N, C-alpha and C. Protein backbone atom coordinates (compact mmCIF):
# COMPACT_ATOMS: atom_id res chain seq x y z
N UNK A 1 73.54 155.04 59.99
CA UNK A 1 72.52 156.03 60.32
C UNK A 1 73.02 157.42 59.94
N UNK A 2 72.12 158.32 59.74
CA UNK A 2 72.47 159.66 59.30
C UNK A 2 73.26 160.42 60.35
N UNK A 3 73.02 160.14 61.64
CA UNK A 3 73.73 160.87 62.69
C UNK A 3 75.09 160.25 63.03
N UNK A 4 75.53 159.23 62.26
CA UNK A 4 76.84 158.63 62.46
C UNK A 4 76.88 157.51 63.49
N UNK A 5 75.76 157.25 64.18
CA UNK A 5 75.72 156.16 65.15
C UNK A 5 75.43 154.85 64.44
N UNK A 6 75.93 153.77 65.04
CA UNK A 6 75.65 152.45 64.49
C UNK A 6 74.24 152.04 64.85
N UNK A 7 73.59 151.24 64.00
CA UNK A 7 72.27 150.74 64.37
C UNK A 7 72.37 149.91 65.66
N UNK A 8 71.34 149.95 66.46
CA UNK A 8 71.35 149.25 67.74
C UNK A 8 71.64 147.76 67.58
N UNK A 9 71.23 147.18 66.47
CA UNK A 9 71.40 145.73 66.27
C UNK A 9 72.87 145.33 66.19
N UNK A 10 73.78 146.27 65.85
CA UNK A 10 75.18 145.88 65.73
C UNK A 10 76.10 146.70 66.63
N UNK A 11 75.55 147.51 67.49
CA UNK A 11 76.40 148.31 68.36
C UNK A 11 77.06 147.43 69.41
N UNK A 12 78.22 147.86 69.90
CA UNK A 12 78.96 147.10 70.89
C UNK A 12 78.18 146.84 72.15
N UNK A 13 77.39 147.81 72.61
CA UNK A 13 76.68 147.61 73.87
C UNK A 13 75.64 146.50 73.76
N UNK A 14 75.09 146.31 72.56
CA UNK A 14 74.12 145.24 72.37
C UNK A 14 74.76 143.86 72.46
N UNK A 15 76.06 143.77 72.22
CA UNK A 15 76.74 142.48 72.25
C UNK A 15 76.78 141.88 73.65
N UNK A 16 76.54 142.70 74.66
CA UNK A 16 76.53 142.19 76.03
C UNK A 16 75.27 141.37 76.31
N UNK A 17 74.29 141.48 75.45
CA UNK A 17 73.00 140.82 75.68
C UNK A 17 72.62 139.97 74.48
N UNK A 18 73.52 139.09 74.08
CA UNK A 18 73.26 138.23 72.93
C UNK A 18 72.18 137.21 73.26
N UNK A 19 71.34 136.97 72.28
CA UNK A 19 70.31 135.94 72.45
C UNK A 19 70.92 134.56 72.22
N UNK A 20 70.21 133.54 72.64
CA UNK A 20 70.68 132.17 72.39
C UNK A 20 70.85 131.93 70.89
N UNK A 21 69.96 132.49 70.10
CA UNK A 21 70.05 132.32 68.64
C UNK A 21 71.31 133.00 68.09
N UNK A 22 71.63 134.19 68.57
CA UNK A 22 72.86 134.87 68.12
C UNK A 22 74.10 134.08 68.54
N UNK A 23 74.07 133.51 69.73
CA UNK A 23 75.20 132.69 70.19
C UNK A 23 75.32 131.43 69.34
N UNK A 24 74.18 130.80 69.02
CA UNK A 24 74.19 129.61 68.16
C UNK A 24 74.79 129.95 66.80
N UNK A 25 74.42 131.10 66.26
CA UNK A 25 74.97 131.52 64.97
C UNK A 25 76.48 131.72 65.07
N UNK A 26 76.95 132.28 66.17
CA UNK A 26 78.38 132.45 66.37
C UNK A 26 79.11 131.12 66.46
N UNK A 27 78.51 130.17 67.16
CA UNK A 27 79.09 128.83 67.27
C UNK A 27 79.17 128.19 65.89
N UNK A 28 78.09 128.29 65.12
CA UNK A 28 78.10 127.70 63.78
C UNK A 28 79.11 128.40 62.88
N UNK A 29 79.21 129.70 62.99
CA UNK A 29 80.20 130.43 62.19
C UNK A 29 81.60 129.94 62.52
N UNK A 30 81.86 129.69 63.83
CA UNK A 30 83.18 129.20 64.21
C UNK A 30 83.44 127.82 63.63
N UNK A 31 82.44 126.93 63.66
CA UNK A 31 82.61 125.60 63.07
C UNK A 31 82.95 125.69 61.58
N UNK A 32 82.20 126.50 60.85
CA UNK A 32 82.42 126.60 59.41
C UNK A 32 83.73 127.33 59.10
N UNK A 33 84.08 128.32 59.89
CA UNK A 33 85.36 129.01 59.69
C UNK A 33 86.52 128.04 59.93
N UNK A 34 86.40 127.21 60.95
CA UNK A 34 87.45 126.23 61.23
C UNK A 34 87.60 125.24 60.08
N UNK A 35 86.47 124.83 59.51
CA UNK A 35 86.53 123.93 58.35
C UNK A 35 87.27 124.60 57.20
N UNK A 36 86.98 125.87 56.97
CA UNK A 36 87.68 126.60 55.91
C UNK A 36 89.15 126.77 56.22
N UNK A 37 89.45 127.09 57.47
CA UNK A 37 90.82 127.33 57.90
C UNK A 37 91.69 126.07 57.78
N UNK A 38 91.08 124.91 57.97
CA UNK A 38 91.83 123.65 57.92
C UNK A 38 91.73 122.94 56.58
N UNK A 39 90.88 123.41 55.68
CA UNK A 39 90.63 122.70 54.41
C UNK A 39 91.89 122.58 53.56
N UNK A 40 92.62 123.66 53.36
CA UNK A 40 93.81 123.60 52.50
C UNK A 40 94.89 122.71 53.12
N UNK A 41 95.24 122.88 54.40
CA UNK A 41 96.21 121.97 55.00
C UNK A 41 95.74 120.51 54.98
N UNK A 42 94.45 120.28 55.20
CA UNK A 42 93.94 118.91 55.17
C UNK A 42 94.19 118.25 53.82
N UNK A 43 94.01 119.01 52.73
CA UNK A 43 94.25 118.47 51.39
C UNK A 43 95.73 118.11 51.22
N UNK A 44 96.60 118.99 51.67
CA UNK A 44 98.05 118.75 51.58
C UNK A 44 98.43 117.52 52.41
N UNK A 45 97.92 117.44 53.63
CA UNK A 45 98.25 116.34 54.54
C UNK A 45 97.69 115.01 54.07
N UNK A 46 96.53 115.03 53.43
CA UNK A 46 95.92 113.77 53.00
C UNK A 46 96.79 113.06 51.98
N UNK A 47 97.55 113.80 51.19
CA UNK A 47 98.46 113.19 50.22
C UNK A 47 99.58 112.41 50.92
N UNK A 48 99.83 112.73 52.17
CA UNK A 48 100.88 112.06 52.95
C UNK A 48 100.31 111.06 53.95
N UNK A 49 99.00 110.90 53.93
CA UNK A 49 98.29 110.07 54.92
C UNK A 49 98.50 110.61 56.34
N UNK A 50 98.55 111.94 56.46
CA UNK A 50 98.66 112.62 57.74
C UNK A 50 97.35 113.32 58.05
N UNK A 51 97.19 113.69 59.32
CA UNK A 51 96.00 114.40 59.74
C UNK A 51 96.34 115.65 60.52
N UNK A 52 95.35 116.19 61.17
CA UNK A 52 95.51 117.46 61.89
C UNK A 52 96.46 117.34 63.07
N UNK A 53 96.54 116.17 63.69
CA UNK A 53 97.49 115.99 64.80
C UNK A 53 98.92 116.19 64.30
N UNK A 54 99.20 115.70 63.11
CA UNK A 54 100.52 115.89 62.52
C UNK A 54 100.77 117.38 62.26
N UNK A 55 99.72 118.05 61.76
CA UNK A 55 99.84 119.48 61.46
C UNK A 55 100.15 120.27 62.72
N UNK A 56 99.41 119.99 63.79
CA UNK A 56 99.64 120.72 65.04
C UNK A 56 101.05 120.49 65.56
N UNK A 57 101.50 119.25 65.51
CA UNK A 57 102.85 118.94 65.98
C UNK A 57 103.89 119.68 65.14
N UNK A 58 103.75 119.63 63.83
CA UNK A 58 104.68 120.33 62.94
C UNK A 58 104.69 121.82 63.24
N UNK A 59 103.51 122.39 63.42
CA UNK A 59 103.40 123.83 63.69
C UNK A 59 104.18 124.21 64.95
N UNK A 60 103.95 123.49 66.05
CA UNK A 60 104.56 123.88 67.31
C UNK A 60 106.04 123.50 67.40
N UNK A 61 106.45 122.46 66.71
CA UNK A 61 107.89 122.16 66.65
C UNK A 61 108.59 123.27 65.87
N UNK A 62 107.95 123.74 64.82
CA UNK A 62 108.53 124.85 64.05
C UNK A 62 108.59 126.13 64.87
N UNK A 63 107.55 126.40 65.67
CA UNK A 63 107.51 127.62 66.48
C UNK A 63 108.56 127.61 67.59
N UNK A 64 108.92 126.41 68.06
CA UNK A 64 109.89 126.32 69.15
C UNK A 64 110.85 125.16 68.88
N UNK A 65 111.77 125.36 67.93
CA UNK A 65 112.72 124.27 67.62
C UNK A 65 113.47 123.84 68.89
N UNK A 66 113.59 122.52 69.06
CA UNK A 66 114.24 121.99 70.24
C UNK A 66 113.29 121.77 71.40
N UNK A 67 112.02 122.04 71.19
CA UNK A 67 111.05 121.80 72.25
C UNK A 67 111.11 120.34 72.67
N UNK A 68 110.79 120.08 73.90
CA UNK A 68 110.82 118.70 74.38
C UNK A 68 109.49 118.01 74.08
N UNK A 69 109.53 116.70 74.09
CA UNK A 69 108.31 115.93 73.90
C UNK A 69 107.30 116.30 74.99
N UNK A 70 107.76 116.45 76.23
CA UNK A 70 106.85 116.81 77.33
C UNK A 70 106.22 118.18 77.12
N UNK A 71 106.99 119.14 76.65
CA UNK A 71 106.43 120.46 76.37
C UNK A 71 105.38 120.37 75.27
N UNK A 72 105.67 119.61 74.23
CA UNK A 72 104.72 119.45 73.14
C UNK A 72 103.45 118.76 73.63
N UNK A 73 103.59 117.79 74.52
CA UNK A 73 102.42 117.15 75.13
C UNK A 73 101.54 118.17 75.83
N UNK A 74 102.18 119.06 76.59
CA UNK A 74 101.43 120.09 77.32
C UNK A 74 100.73 121.06 76.37
N UNK A 75 101.41 121.47 75.33
CA UNK A 75 100.82 122.41 74.37
C UNK A 75 99.64 121.79 73.65
N UNK A 76 99.81 120.57 73.18
CA UNK A 76 98.78 119.93 72.36
C UNK A 76 97.64 119.33 73.19
N UNK A 77 97.93 119.00 74.44
CA UNK A 77 96.89 118.42 75.29
C UNK A 77 96.45 117.05 74.81
N UNK A 78 97.38 116.25 74.31
CA UNK A 78 97.06 114.90 73.84
C UNK A 78 97.76 113.89 74.73
N UNK A 79 97.42 112.62 74.55
CA UNK A 79 98.08 111.59 75.34
C UNK A 79 99.47 111.32 74.78
N UNK A 80 100.31 110.79 75.64
CA UNK A 80 101.67 110.44 75.22
C UNK A 80 101.63 109.41 74.09
N UNK A 81 100.74 108.45 74.21
CA UNK A 81 100.61 107.40 73.19
C UNK A 81 100.23 108.00 71.84
N UNK A 82 99.29 108.92 71.85
CA UNK A 82 98.85 109.57 70.62
C UNK A 82 99.98 110.38 69.99
N UNK A 83 100.67 111.17 70.81
CA UNK A 83 101.77 111.97 70.29
C UNK A 83 102.90 111.08 69.78
N UNK A 84 103.20 110.01 70.49
CA UNK A 84 104.26 109.11 70.05
C UNK A 84 103.96 108.51 68.67
N UNK A 85 102.71 108.17 68.43
CA UNK A 85 102.30 107.64 67.12
C UNK A 85 102.58 108.67 66.03
N UNK A 86 102.18 109.90 66.29
CA UNK A 86 102.36 110.99 65.32
C UNK A 86 103.85 111.24 65.09
N UNK A 87 104.61 111.37 66.17
CA UNK A 87 106.04 111.65 66.04
C UNK A 87 106.79 110.51 65.35
N UNK A 88 106.43 109.28 65.68
CA UNK A 88 107.11 108.13 65.09
C UNK A 88 106.99 108.17 63.56
N UNK A 89 105.78 108.44 63.05
CA UNK A 89 105.61 108.47 61.59
C UNK A 89 106.39 109.62 60.97
N UNK A 90 106.39 110.76 61.63
CA UNK A 90 107.09 111.92 61.05
C UNK A 90 108.61 111.74 61.13
N UNK A 91 109.10 111.07 62.15
CA UNK A 91 110.53 110.78 62.24
C UNK A 91 110.91 109.77 61.15
N UNK A 92 110.09 108.71 61.02
CA UNK A 92 110.36 107.70 59.98
C UNK A 92 110.32 108.30 58.58
N UNK A 93 109.45 109.28 58.38
CA UNK A 93 109.32 109.92 57.07
C UNK A 93 110.32 111.05 56.84
N UNK A 94 111.18 111.29 57.82
CA UNK A 94 112.23 112.28 57.67
C UNK A 94 111.80 113.73 57.81
N UNK A 95 110.71 113.97 58.52
CA UNK A 95 110.22 115.33 58.72
C UNK A 95 110.64 115.93 60.06
N UNK A 96 110.83 115.06 61.04
CA UNK A 96 111.17 115.48 62.40
C UNK A 96 112.40 114.70 62.84
N UNK A 97 113.25 115.39 63.58
CA UNK A 97 114.43 114.78 64.18
C UNK A 97 114.29 114.88 65.69
N UNK A 98 114.59 113.78 66.38
CA UNK A 98 114.55 113.73 67.84
C UNK A 98 115.98 113.59 68.34
N UNK A 99 116.39 114.53 69.20
CA UNK A 99 117.76 114.51 69.74
C UNK A 99 117.70 114.36 71.26
N UNK A 100 118.65 113.59 71.78
CA UNK A 100 118.76 113.40 73.23
C UNK A 100 119.21 114.72 73.86
N UNK A 101 118.62 115.05 75.01
CA UNK A 101 118.97 116.28 75.71
C UNK A 101 120.41 116.29 76.16
N UNK A 102 121.04 117.46 76.14
CA UNK A 102 122.44 117.57 76.56
C UNK A 102 122.57 117.52 78.08
N UNK A 103 121.68 118.19 78.78
CA UNK A 103 121.78 118.22 80.25
C UNK A 103 120.98 117.09 80.89
N UNK A 104 119.94 116.63 80.24
CA UNK A 104 119.12 115.54 80.76
C UNK A 104 118.92 114.53 79.65
N UNK A 105 119.61 113.43 79.73
CA UNK A 105 119.59 112.41 78.67
C UNK A 105 118.21 111.77 78.49
N UNK A 106 117.32 111.94 79.46
CA UNK A 106 115.97 111.39 79.34
C UNK A 106 115.10 112.23 78.42
N UNK A 107 115.46 113.49 78.25
CA UNK A 107 114.66 114.39 77.41
C UNK A 107 114.93 114.12 75.93
N UNK A 108 113.89 114.33 75.14
CA UNK A 108 114.00 114.26 73.69
C UNK A 108 113.60 115.62 73.14
N UNK A 109 114.52 116.24 72.40
CA UNK A 109 114.27 117.55 71.80
C UNK A 109 113.92 117.37 70.34
N UNK A 110 112.91 118.09 69.89
CA UNK A 110 112.37 117.89 68.56
C UNK A 110 112.71 119.06 67.63
N UNK A 111 113.09 118.70 66.42
CA UNK A 111 113.45 119.69 65.39
C UNK A 111 112.85 119.24 64.07
N UNK A 112 112.44 120.20 63.26
CA UNK A 112 112.02 119.87 61.90
C UNK A 112 113.26 119.72 61.03
N UNK A 113 113.22 118.77 60.14
CA UNK A 113 114.28 118.62 59.14
C UNK A 113 113.98 119.63 58.02
N UNK A 114 114.83 119.68 57.01
CA UNK A 114 114.56 120.56 55.87
C UNK A 114 113.22 120.19 55.23
N UNK A 115 112.96 118.89 55.10
CA UNK A 115 111.68 118.45 54.52
C UNK A 115 110.51 118.85 55.42
N UNK A 116 110.70 118.75 56.73
CA UNK A 116 109.66 119.15 57.68
C UNK A 116 109.38 120.65 57.61
N UNK A 117 110.44 121.44 57.49
CA UNK A 117 110.25 122.90 57.36
C UNK A 117 109.54 123.24 56.05
N UNK A 118 109.85 122.51 54.99
CA UNK A 118 109.19 122.75 53.70
C UNK A 118 107.69 122.44 53.81
N UNK A 119 107.36 121.31 54.45
CA UNK A 119 105.95 120.97 54.63
C UNK A 119 105.26 122.00 55.52
N UNK A 120 105.91 122.38 56.60
CA UNK A 120 105.32 123.39 57.49
C UNK A 120 105.06 124.68 56.73
N UNK A 121 105.98 125.06 55.85
CA UNK A 121 105.80 126.26 55.05
C UNK A 121 104.59 126.18 54.15
N UNK A 122 104.40 125.03 53.52
CA UNK A 122 103.22 124.84 52.66
C UNK A 122 101.93 124.97 53.46
N UNK A 123 101.90 124.32 54.61
CA UNK A 123 100.70 124.33 55.44
C UNK A 123 100.40 125.72 55.96
N UNK A 124 101.41 126.39 56.45
CA UNK A 124 101.23 127.74 57.01
C UNK A 124 100.91 128.76 55.94
N UNK A 125 101.57 128.64 54.79
CA UNK A 125 101.30 129.58 53.69
C UNK A 125 99.82 129.54 53.31
N UNK A 126 99.26 128.34 53.21
CA UNK A 126 97.86 128.19 52.84
C UNK A 126 96.96 128.88 53.87
N UNK A 127 97.28 128.71 55.15
CA UNK A 127 96.45 129.33 56.19
C UNK A 127 96.67 130.83 56.27
N UNK A 128 97.90 131.26 56.06
CA UNK A 128 98.17 132.71 56.10
C UNK A 128 97.42 133.44 54.98
N UNK A 129 97.36 132.84 53.81
CA UNK A 129 96.63 133.47 52.69
C UNK A 129 95.18 133.68 53.08
N UNK A 130 94.57 132.64 53.62
CA UNK A 130 93.15 132.72 54.00
C UNK A 130 92.95 133.74 55.13
N UNK A 131 93.83 133.69 56.14
CA UNK A 131 93.69 134.57 57.29
C UNK A 131 93.97 136.03 56.90
N UNK A 132 95.01 136.25 56.10
CA UNK A 132 95.34 137.61 55.67
C UNK A 132 94.16 138.23 54.91
N UNK A 133 93.56 137.46 54.03
CA UNK A 133 92.42 137.96 53.26
C UNK A 133 91.25 138.30 54.17
N UNK A 134 90.95 137.40 55.11
CA UNK A 134 89.84 137.65 56.04
C UNK A 134 90.12 138.87 56.91
N UNK A 135 91.34 138.97 57.44
CA UNK A 135 91.70 140.11 58.28
C UNK A 135 91.63 141.41 57.49
N UNK A 136 92.12 141.39 56.27
CA UNK A 136 92.09 142.60 55.43
C UNK A 136 90.65 143.03 55.19
N UNK A 137 89.77 142.06 54.89
CA UNK A 137 88.37 142.39 54.64
C UNK A 137 87.67 142.91 55.90
N UNK A 138 88.04 142.36 57.05
CA UNK A 138 87.36 142.73 58.30
C UNK A 138 87.83 144.06 58.86
N UNK A 139 89.10 144.38 58.68
CA UNK A 139 89.65 145.63 59.19
C UNK A 139 90.28 145.47 60.57
N UNK A 140 91.12 146.45 60.95
CA UNK A 140 91.91 146.32 62.18
C UNK A 140 91.10 146.23 63.46
N UNK A 141 89.99 146.93 63.55
CA UNK A 141 89.18 146.85 64.77
C UNK A 141 88.57 145.46 64.94
N UNK A 142 88.10 144.90 63.84
CA UNK A 142 87.52 143.55 63.89
C UNK A 142 88.60 142.53 64.24
N UNK A 143 89.80 142.70 63.70
CA UNK A 143 90.90 141.77 63.98
C UNK A 143 91.23 141.81 65.47
N UNK A 144 91.33 143.00 66.03
CA UNK A 144 91.62 143.14 67.46
C UNK A 144 90.50 142.51 68.30
N UNK A 145 89.27 142.73 67.90
CA UNK A 145 88.14 142.14 68.62
C UNK A 145 88.13 140.62 68.52
N UNK A 146 88.47 140.12 67.34
CA UNK A 146 88.54 138.68 67.12
C UNK A 146 89.56 138.04 68.05
N UNK A 147 90.74 138.65 68.12
CA UNK A 147 91.78 138.12 69.02
C UNK A 147 91.33 138.16 70.47
N UNK A 148 90.69 139.24 70.85
CA UNK A 148 90.18 139.37 72.22
C UNK A 148 89.19 138.26 72.53
N UNK A 149 88.28 137.98 71.62
CA UNK A 149 87.29 136.93 71.81
C UNK A 149 87.98 135.57 71.92
N UNK A 150 88.92 135.28 71.01
CA UNK A 150 89.61 133.99 71.05
C UNK A 150 90.35 133.80 72.36
N UNK A 151 91.06 134.83 72.80
CA UNK A 151 91.81 134.73 74.05
C UNK A 151 90.88 134.57 75.25
N UNK A 152 89.72 135.23 75.21
CA UNK A 152 88.77 135.12 76.32
C UNK A 152 88.14 133.73 76.38
N UNK A 153 88.11 133.01 75.27
CA UNK A 153 87.53 131.67 75.24
C UNK A 153 88.51 130.59 75.74
N UNK A 154 89.78 130.94 75.87
CA UNK A 154 90.78 129.96 76.30
C UNK A 154 90.67 129.69 77.79
N UNK A 155 90.89 128.42 78.16
CA UNK A 155 91.01 128.08 79.57
C UNK A 155 92.25 128.76 80.12
N UNK A 156 92.32 128.92 81.44
CA UNK A 156 93.43 129.63 82.08
C UNK A 156 94.78 129.05 81.71
N UNK A 157 94.91 127.72 81.76
CA UNK A 157 96.20 127.09 81.43
C UNK A 157 96.56 127.32 79.97
N UNK A 158 95.56 127.27 79.09
CA UNK A 158 95.81 127.53 77.66
C UNK A 158 96.25 128.97 77.45
N UNK A 159 95.65 129.89 78.19
CA UNK A 159 96.05 131.29 78.09
C UNK A 159 97.51 131.45 78.49
N UNK A 160 97.93 130.76 79.56
CA UNK A 160 99.33 130.85 80.00
C UNK A 160 100.27 130.31 78.92
N UNK A 161 99.93 129.16 78.35
CA UNK A 161 100.76 128.57 77.30
C UNK A 161 100.82 129.49 76.09
N UNK A 162 99.68 130.02 75.69
CA UNK A 162 99.60 130.94 74.55
C UNK A 162 100.44 132.19 74.80
N UNK A 163 100.35 132.74 76.00
CA UNK A 163 101.12 133.93 76.35
C UNK A 163 102.61 133.64 76.32
N UNK A 164 103.02 132.48 76.86
CA UNK A 164 104.44 132.09 76.82
C UNK A 164 104.93 132.00 75.38
N UNK A 165 104.14 131.39 74.52
CA UNK A 165 104.54 131.26 73.10
C UNK A 165 104.68 132.64 72.45
N UNK A 166 103.70 133.51 72.73
CA UNK A 166 103.75 134.87 72.15
C UNK A 166 104.98 135.60 72.64
N UNK A 167 105.25 135.52 73.94
CA UNK A 167 106.37 136.26 74.53
C UNK A 167 107.72 135.71 74.12
N UNK A 168 107.78 134.40 73.83
CA UNK A 168 109.06 133.80 73.45
C UNK A 168 109.46 134.23 72.04
N UNK A 169 108.48 134.69 71.28
CA UNK A 169 108.76 135.08 69.90
C UNK A 169 109.09 133.91 69.03
N UNK A 170 108.88 132.71 69.56
CA UNK A 170 109.19 131.50 68.80
C UNK A 170 108.24 131.34 67.64
């Protein structure tokens, strides 16, 4: 607008009163963005007969080397049986190493091998390229708003886990 104000249709105050149609569009945008965000890693993983569960496990083992199986279960929110299937294949394929805990022999600590770190790098690089481009196009205010929205959508326990990961610098 000539007076420097944003049009009412896109001003921040209008966002407090989104219509069902605007919310539906946001939901659809999130679905399609997620498809784009996972497309490159999915192509890389399909060559190994791996899926997104493998990707998530690789990501979080890389973020916190030595994490326990129980901690990974809590982060991923999957069943023990499901995670064991994923870990077993990655251990057999030489991507993940499981070590017995030093203080508690019942614990299993997980580490990526050199091959696992290389795969994680490929997967993350593909997503960083896409995210960096989108963030650059959107600008710093949009990026901050995007993070705020994502964090506000998390359940309380997920927010705690996310905050712990951020604070650990892992």
